[in-house]
Amino acid sequence: MKQFDSPAEKEAYYNKRRNRGLIVGGIGAIVLGLGFLIQYVLYMQGLSFNVVMYTLTSIGIVMVLYAAVEIFGW
């Protein structure tokens, strides 16, 4: 656990982590949404969407979970 010299230093540290978490979480949500749209288009065209489904979904979920760790400060 990180030790802080002052309350202001602690607040600045967690604000930076929270902002990073919000940005990464937003990007992860966009990746998940984009993956859904690509899967839908490929499905409607009758093409295989397995690669898109597993890669973009996995990347998006990992990013959202990382964002949760940053936001909650675990």
PDB file of N, CA and C in Angstrom:
ATOM      1  N   MET A   1       0.843  -1.176   0.000  1.00  0.00           N
ATOM      2  CA  MET A   1       0.000   0.000   0.000  1.00  0.00           C
ATOM      3  C   MET A   1       0.886   1.235   0.000  1.00  0.00           C
ATOM      4  N   LYS A   2       0.502   2.202  -0.781  1.00  0.00           N
ATOM      5  CA  LYS A   2       1.273   3.429  -0.927  1.00  0.00           C
ATOM      6  C   LYS A   2       1.110   4.308   0.315  1.00  0.00           C
ATOM      7  N   GLN A   3       2.216   4.867   0.771  1.00  0.00           N
ATOM      8  CA  GLN A   3       2.206   5.783   1.910  1.00  0.00           C
ATOM      9  C   GLN A   3       2.247   7.222   1.404  1.00  0.00           C
ATOM     10  N   PHE A   4       1.475   8.086   2.030  1.00  0.00           N
ATOM     11  CA  PHE A   4       1.404   9.483   1.613  1.00  0.00           C
ATOM     12  C   PHE A   4       1.900  10.387   2.724  1.00  0.00           C
ATOM     13  N   ASP A   5       2.550  11.493   2.324  1.00  0.00           N
ATOM     14  CA  ASP A   5       3.059  12.455   3.295  1.00  0.00           C
ATOM     15  C   ASP A   5       2.009  13.467   3.716  1.00  0.00           C
ATOM     16  N   SER A   6       1.028  13.716   2.854  1.00  0.00           N
ATOM     17  CA  SER A   6       0.004  14.703   3.190  1.00  0.00           C
ATOM     18  C   SER A   6      -1.322  14.297   2.561  1.00  0.00           C
ATOM     19  N   PRO A   7      -2.425  14.809   3.097  1.00  0.00           N
ATOM     20  CA  PRO A   7      -3.738  14.510   2.505  1.00  0.00           C
ATOM     21  C   PRO A   7      -3.866  15.036   1.063  1.00  0.00           C
ATOM     22  N   ALA A   8      -3.213  16.146   0.766  1.00  0.00           N
ATOM     23  CA  ALA A   8      -3.280  16.698  -0.585  1.00  0.00           C
ATOM     24  C   ALA A   8      -2.592  15.764  -1.586  1.00  0.00           C
ATOM     25  N   GLU A   9      -1.474  15.175  -1.166  1.00  0.00           N
ATOM     26  CA  GLU A   9      -0.766  14.230  -2.031  1.00  0.00           C
ATOM     27  C   GLU A   9      -1.624  12.993  -2.285  1.00  0.00           C
ATOM     28  N   LYS A  10      -2.281  12.515  -1.267  1.00  0.00           N
ATOM     29  CA  LYS A  10      -3.162  11.358  -1.391  1.00  0.00           C
ATOM     30  C   LYS A  10      -4.327  11.668  -2.330  1.00  0.00           C
ATOM     31  N   GLU A  11      -4.930  12.816  -2.172  1.00  0.00           N
ATOM     32  CA  GLU A  11      -6.052  13.207  -3.015  1.00  0.00           C
ATOM     33  C   GLU A  11      -5.626  13.341  -4.481  1.00  0.00           C
ATOM     34  N   ALA A  12      -4.470  13.932  -4.727  1.00  0.00           N
ATOM     35  CA  ALA A  12      -3.972  14.093  -6.096  1.00  0.00           C
ATOM     36  C   ALA A  12      -3.687  12.728  -6.729  1.00  0.00           C
ATOM     37  N   TYR A  13      -3.118  11.809  -5.945  1.00  0.00           N
ATOM     38  CA  TYR A  13      -2.805  10.469  -6.446  1.00  0.00           C
ATOM     39  C   TYR A  13      -4.077   9.735  -6.865  1.00  0.00           C
ATOM     40  N   TYR A  14      -5.089   9.754  -5.997  1.00  0.00           N
ATOM     41  CA  TYR A  14      -6.325   9.034  -6.310  1.00  0.00           C
ATOM     42  C   TYR A  14      -7.145   9.731  -7.388  1.00  0.00           C
ATOM     43  N   ASN A  15      -7.057  11.043  -7.503  1.00  0.00           N
ATOM     44  CA  ASN A  15      -7.717  11.736  -8.612  1.00  0.00           C
ATOM     45  C   ASN A  15      -7.103  11.332  -9.943  1.00  0.00           C
ATOM     46  N   LYS A  16      -5.787  11.207  -9.979  1.00  0.00           N
ATOM     47  CA  LYS A  16      -5.102  10.789 -11.201  1.00  0.00           C
ATOM     48  C   LYS A  16      -5.511   9.367 -11.579  1.00  0.00           C
ATOM     49  N   ARG A  17      -5.555   8.475 -10.598  1.00  0.00           N
ATOM     50  CA  ARG A  17      -5.974   7.097 -10.867  1.00  0.00           C
ATOM     51  C   ARG A  17      -7.427   7.039 -11.320  1.00  0.00           C
ATOM     52  N   ARG A  18      -8.292   7.818 -10.691  1.00  0.00           N
ATOM     53  CA  ARG A  18      -9.699   7.827 -11.051  1.00  0.00           C
ATOM     54  C   ARG A  18      -9.891   8.323 -12.484  1.00  0.00           C
ATOM     55  N   ASN A  19      -9.183   9.383 -12.850  1.00  0.00           N
ATOM     56  CA  ASN A  19      -9.284   9.902 -14.215  1.00  0.00           C
ATOM     57  C   ASN A  19      -8.779   8.884 -15.235  1.00  0.00           C
ATOM     58  N   ARG A  20      -7.668   8.229 -14.927  1.00  0.00           N
ATOM     59  CA  ARG A  20      -7.142   7.195 -15.812  1.00  0.00           C
ATOM     60  C   ARG A  20      -8.156   6.054 -15.944  1.00  0.00           C
ATOM     61  N   GLY A  21      -8.775   5.684 -14.841  1.00  0.00           N
ATOM     62  CA  GLY A  21      -9.770   4.624 -14.873  1.00  0.00           C
ATOM     63  C   GLY A  21     -10.982   4.989 -15.712  1.00  0.00           C
ATOM     64  N   LEU A  22     -11.430   6.236 -15.621  1.00  0.00           N
ATOM     65  CA  LEU A  22     -12.574   6.666 -16.424  1.00  0.00           C
ATOM     66  C   LEU A  22     -12.245   6.649 -17.912  1.00  0.00           C
ATOM     67  N   ILE A  23     -11.043   7.071 -18.260  1.00  0.00           N
ATOM     68  CA  ILE A  23     -10.641   7.067 -19.664  1.00  0.00           C
ATOM     69  C   ILE A  23     -10.538   5.636 -20.191  1.00  0.00           C
ATOM     70  N   VAL A  24      -9.864   4.773 -19.451  1.00  0.00           N
ATOM     71  CA  VAL A  24      -9.705   3.379 -19.886  1.00  0.00           C
ATOM     72  C   VAL A  24     -11.067   2.677 -19.932  1.00  0.00           C
ATOM     73  N   GLY A  25     -11.930   2.952 -18.964  1.00  0.00           N
ATOM     74  CA  GLY A  25     -13.265   2.353 -18.962  1.00  0.00           C
ATOM     75  C   GLY A  25     -14.087   2.809 -20.155  1.00  0.00           C
ATOM     76  N   GLY A  26     -13.975   4.076 -20.508  1.00  0.00           N
ATOM     77  CA  GLY A  26     -14.681   4.576 -21.683  1.00  0.00           C
ATOM     78  C   GLY A  26     -14.190   3.931 -22.963  1.00  0.00           C
ATOM     79  N   ILE A  27     -12.890   3.791 -23.077  1.00  0.00           N
ATOM     80  CA  ILE A  27     -12.321   3.136 -24.264  1.00  0.00           C
ATOM     81  C   ILE A  27     -12.747   1.667 -24.305  1.00  0.00           C
ATOM     82  N   GLY A  28     -12.750   1.013 -23.148  1.00  0.00           N
ATOM     83  CA  GLY A  28     -13.194  -0.380 -23.091  1.00  0.00           C
ATOM     84  C   GLY A  28     -14.648  -0.533 -23.496  1.00  0.00           C
ATOM     85  N   ALA A  29     -15.503   0.402 -23.077  1.00  0.00           N
ATOM     86  CA  ALA A  29     -16.907   0.363 -23.465  1.00  0.00           C
ATOM     87  C   ALA A  29     -17.060   0.582 -24.969  1.00  0.00           C
ATOM     88  N   ILE A  30     -16.257   1.467 -25.528  1.00  0.00           N
ATOM     89  CA  ILE A  30     -16.297   1.697 -26.975  1.00  0.00           C
ATOM     90  C   ILE A  30     -15.860   0.444 -27.728  1.00  0.00           C
ATOM     91  N   VAL A  31     -14.812  -0.228 -27.226  1.00  0.00           N
ATOM     92  CA  VAL A  31     -14.338  -1.465 -27.860  1.00  0.00           C
ATOM     93  C   VAL A  31     -15.433  -2.523 -27.813  1.00  0.00           C
ATOM     94  N   LEU A  32     -16.126  -2.642 -26.677  1.00  0.00           N
ATOM     95  CA  LEU A  32     -17.211  -3.612 -26.580  1.00  0.00           C
ATOM     96  C   LEU A  32     -18.338  -3.276 -27.548  1.00  0.00           C
ATOM     97  N   GLY A  33     -18.706  -2.011 -27.629  1.00  0.00           N
ATOM     98  CA  GLY A  33     -19.761  -1.607 -28.548  1.00  0.00           C
ATOM     99  C   GLY A  33     -19.375  -1.824 -30.001  1.00  0.00           C
ATOM    100  N   LEU A  34     -18.141  -1.472 -30.342  1.00  0.00           N
ATOM    101  CA  LEU A  34     -17.651  -1.679 -31.699  1.00  0.00           C
ATOM    102  C   LEU A  34     -17.624  -3.168 -32.037  1.00  0.00           C
ATOM    103  N   GLY A  35     -17.207  -3.983 -31.094  1.00  0.00           N
ATOM    104  CA  GLY A  35     -17.204  -5.430 -31.307  1.00  0.00           C
ATOM    105  C   GLY A  35     -18.600  -5.958 -31.562  1.00  0.00           C
ATOM    106  N   PHE A  36     -19.585  -5.454 -30.819  1.00  0.00           N
ATOM    107  CA  PHE A  36     -20.958  -5.872 -31.040  1.00  0.00           C
ATOM    108  C   PHE A  36     -21.434  -5.497 -32.438  1.00  0.00           C
ATOM    109  N   LEU A  37     -21.150  -4.256 -32.855  1.00  0.00           N
ATOM    110  CA  LEU A  37     -21.583  -3.820 -34.182  1.00  0.00           C
ATOM    111  C   LEU A  37     -20.933  -4.640 -35.299  1.00  0.00           C
ATOM    112  N   ILE A  38     -19.636  -4.909 -35.165  1.00  0.00           N
ATOM    113  CA  ILE A  38     -18.947  -5.713 -36.183  1.00  0.00           C
ATOM    114  C   ILE A  38     -19.505  -7.131 -36.216  1.00  0.00           C
ATOM    115  N   GLN A  39     -19.765  -7.703 -35.029  1.00  0.00           N
ATOM    116  CA  GLN A  39     -20.348  -9.045 -34.983  1.00  0.00           C
ATOM    117  C   GLN A  39     -21.701  -9.077 -35.662  1.00  0.00           C
ATOM    118  N   TYR A  40     -22.512  -8.067 -35.413  1.00  0.00           N
ATOM    119  CA  TYR A  40     -23.847  -8.016 -35.998  1.00  0.00           C
ATOM    120  C   TYR A  40     -23.771  -7.938 -37.520  1.00  0.00           C
ATOM    121  N   VAL A  41     -22.896  -7.082 -38.035  1.00  0.00           N
ATOM    122  CA  VAL A  41     -22.751  -6.944 -39.484  1.00  0.00           C
ATOM    123  C   VAL A  41     -22.264  -8.257 -40.094  1.00  0.00           C
ATOM    124  N   LEU A  42     -21.278  -8.879 -39.483  1.00  0.00           N
ATOM    125  CA  LEU A  42     -20.770 -10.152 -40.006  1.00  0.00           C
ATOM    126  C   LEU A  42     -21.833 -11.236 -39.946  1.00  0.00           C
ATOM    127  N   TYR A  43     -22.625 -11.273 -38.883  1.00  0.00           N
ATOM    128  CA  TYR A  43     -23.692 -12.261 -38.758  1.00  0.00           C
ATOM    129  C   TYR A  43     -24.738 -12.060 -39.849  1.00  0.00           C
ATOM    130  N   MET A  44     -25.100 -10.812 -40.086  1.00  0.00           N
ATOM    131  CA  MET A  44     -26.111 -10.529 -41.112  1.00  0.00           C
ATOM    132  C   MET A  44     -25.604 -10.870 -42.511  1.00  0.00           C
ATOM    133  N   GLN A  45     -24.301 -10.823 -42.719  1.00  0.00           N
ATOM    134  CA  GLN A  45     -23.713 -11.162 -44.014  1.00  0.00           C
ATOM    135  C   GLN A  45     -23.464 -12.667 -44.153  1.00  0.00           C
ATOM    136  N   GLY A  46     -23.670 -13.406 -43.080  1.00  0.00           N
ATOM    137  CA  GLY A  46     -23.466 -14.850 -43.111  1.00  0.00           C
ATOM    138  C   GLY A  46     -22.010 -15.260 -42.998  1.00  0.00           C
ATOM    139  N   LEU A  47     -21.174 -14.371 -42.488  1.00  0.00           N
ATOM    140  CA  LEU A  47     -19.751 -14.658 -42.343  1.00  0.00           C
ATOM    141  C   LEU A  47     -19.426 -15.077 -40.909  1.00  0.00           C
ATOM    142  N   SER A  48     -18.261 -15.662 -40.729  1.00  0.00           N
ATOM    143  CA  SER A  48     -17.828 -16.068 -39.394  1.00  0.00           C
ATOM    144  C   SER A  48     -17.406 -14.836 -38.582  1.00  0.00           C
ATOM    145  N   PHE A  49     -17.886 -14.754 -37.354  1.00  0.00           N
ATOM    146  CA  PHE A  49     -17.557 -13.621 -36.492  1.00  0.00           C
ATOM    147  C   PHE A  49     -16.858 -14.062 -35.210  1.00  0.00           C
ATOM    148  N   ASN A  50     -16.373 -15.293 -35.171  1.00  0.00           N
ATOM    149  CA  ASN A  50     -15.757 -15.831 -33.957  1.00  0.00           C
ATOM    150  C   ASN A  50     -14.528 -15.050 -33.519  1.00  0.00           C
ATOM    151  N   VAL A  51     -13.660 -14.703 -34.456  1.00  0.00           N
ATOM    152  CA  VAL A  51     -12.424 -13.991 -34.110  1.00  0.00           C
ATOM    153  C   VAL A  51     -12.759 -12.628 -33.509  1.00  0.00           C
ATOM    154  N   VAL A  52     -13.655 -11.911 -34.149  1.00  0.00           N
ATOM    155  CA  VAL A  52     -14.045 -10.590 -33.657  1.00  0.00           C
ATOM    156  C   VAL A  52     -14.716 -10.719 -32.292  1.00  0.00           C
ATOM    157  N   MET A  53     -15.594 -11.702 -32.161  1.00  0.00           N
ATOM    158  CA  MET A  53     -16.334 -11.866 -30.913  1.00  0.00           C
ATOM    159  C   MET A  53     -15.385 -12.100 -29.732  1.00  0.00           C
ATOM    160  N   TYR A  54     -14.442 -12.994 -29.893  1.00  0.00           N
ATOM    161  CA  TYR A  54     -13.598 -13.329 -28.754  1.00  0.00           C
ATOM    162  C   TYR A  54     -12.492 -12.300 -28.504  1.00  0.00           C
ATOM    163  N   THR A  55     -11.915 -11.739 -29.546  1.00  0.00           N
ATOM    164  CA  THR A  55     -10.817 -10.800 -29.302  1.00  0.00           C
ATOM    165  C   THR A  55     -11.318  -9.458 -28.780  1.00  0.00           C
ATOM    166  N   LEU A  56     -12.269  -8.835 -29.466  1.00  0.00           N
ATOM    167  CA  LEU A  56     -12.725  -7.520 -29.022  1.00  0.00           C
ATOM    168  C   LEU A  56     -13.464  -7.589 -27.686  1.00  0.00           C
ATOM    169  N   THR A  57     -14.226  -8.659 -27.473  1.00  0.00           N
ATOM    170  CA  THR A  57     -14.906  -8.802 -26.191  1.00  0.00           C
ATOM    171  C   THR A  57     -13.899  -8.983 -25.059  1.00  0.00           C
ATOM    172  N   SER A  58     -12.890  -9.795 -25.285  1.00  0.00           N
ATOM    173  CA  SER A  58     -11.868 -10.009 -24.246  1.00  0.00           C
ATOM    174  C   SER A  58     -11.107  -8.724 -23.942  1.00  0.00           C
ATOM    175  N   ILE A  59     -10.718  -8.003 -24.983  1.00  0.00           N
ATOM    176  CA  ILE A  59      -9.992  -6.747 -24.783  1.00  0.00           C
ATOM    177  C   ILE A  59     -10.863  -5.748 -24.036  1.00  0.00           C
ATOM    178  N   GLY A  60     -12.121  -5.623 -24.437  1.00  0.00           N
ATOM    179  CA  GLY A  60     -13.031  -4.685 -23.786  1.00  0.00           C
ATOM    180  C   GLY A  60     -13.263  -5.015 -22.328  1.00  0.00           C
ATOM    181  N   ILE A  61     -13.452  -6.291 -22.015  1.00  0.00           N
ATOM    182  CA  ILE A  61     -13.698  -6.695 -20.628  1.00  0.00           C
ATOM    183  C   ILE A  61     -12.468  -6.452 -19.769  1.00  0.00           C
ATOM    184  N   VAL A  62     -11.285  -6.773 -20.285  1.00  0.00           N
ATOM    185  CA  VAL A  62     -10.056  -6.534 -19.528  1.00  0.00           C
ATOM    186  C   VAL A  62      -9.886  -5.045 -19.245  1.00  0.00           C
ATOM    187  N   MET A  63     -10.185  -4.215 -20.234  1.00  0.00           N
ATOM    188  CA  MET A  63     -10.054  -2.771 -20.034  1.00  0.00           C
ATOM    189  C   MET A  63     -11.049  -2.255 -18.998  1.00  0.00           C
ATOM    190  N   VAL A  64     -12.279  -2.746 -19.034  1.00  0.00           N
ATOM    191  CA  VAL A  64     -13.284  -2.312 -18.059  1.00  0.00           C
ATOM    192  C   VAL A  64     -12.903  -2.779 -16.654  1.00  0.00           C
ATOM    193  N   LEU A  65     -12.387  -3.985 -16.520  1.00  0.00           N
ATOM    194  CA  LEU A  65     -11.967  -4.468 -15.203  1.00  0.00           C
ATOM    195  C   LEU A  65     -10.770  -3.678 -14.676  1.00  0.00           C
ATOM    196  N   TYR A  66      -9.821  -3.355 -15.556  1.00  0.00           N
ATOM    197  CA  TYR A  66      -8.688  -2.521 -15.155  1.00  0.00           C
ATOM    198  C   TYR A  66      -9.180  -1.153 -14.690  1.00  0.00           C
ATOM    199  N   ALA A  67     -10.149  -0.618 -15.420  1.00  0.00           N
ATOM    200  CA  ALA A  67     -10.722   0.688 -15.042  1.00  0.00           C
ATOM    201  C   ALA A  67     -11.376   0.611 -13.655  1.00  0.00           C
ATOM    202  N   ALA A  68     -12.053  -0.488 -13.373  1.00  0.00           N
ATOM    203  CA  ALA A  68     -12.679  -0.649 -12.059  1.00  0.00           C
ATOM    204  C   ALA A  68     -11.630  -0.661 -10.957  1.00  0.00           C
ATOM    205  N   VAL A  69     -10.515  -1.320 -11.205  1.00  0.00           N
ATOM    206  CA  VAL A  69      -9.423  -1.349 -10.219  1.00  0.00           C
ATOM    207  C   VAL A  69      -8.878   0.057 -10.007  1.00  0.00           C
ATOM    208  N   GLU A  70      -8.701   0.808 -11.072  1.00  0.00           N
ATOM    209  CA  GLU A  70      -8.180   2.163 -10.951  1.00  0.00           C
ATOM    210  C   GLU A  70      -9.183   3.086 -10.239  1.00  0.00           C
ATOM    211  N   ILE A  71     -10.452   2.966 -10.562  1.00  0.00           N
ATOM    212  CA  ILE A  71     -11.458   3.847  -9.982  1.00  0.00           C
ATOM    213  C   ILE A  71     -11.663   3.556  -8.498  1.00  0.00           C
ATOM    214  N   PHE A  72     -11.763   2.279  -8.152  1.00  0.00           N
ATOM    215  CA  PHE A  72     -12.012   1.908  -6.763  1.00  0.00           C
ATOM    216  C   PHE A  72     -10.752   1.923  -5.906  1.00  0.00           C
ATOM    217  N   GLY A  73      -9.589   1.980  -6.526  1.00  0.00           N
ATOM    218  CA  GLY A  73      -8.324   2.116  -5.800  1.00  0.00           C
ATOM    219  C   GLY A  73      -7.885   0.871  -5.065  1.00  0.00           C
ATOM    220  N   TRP A  74      -8.113  -0.317  -5.638  1.00  0.00           N
ATOM    221  CA  TRP A  74      -7.682  -1.553  -4.987  1.00  0.00           C
ATOM    222  C   TRP A  74      -6.208  -1.750  -5.137  1.00  0.00           C
TER     223      TRP A  74
END
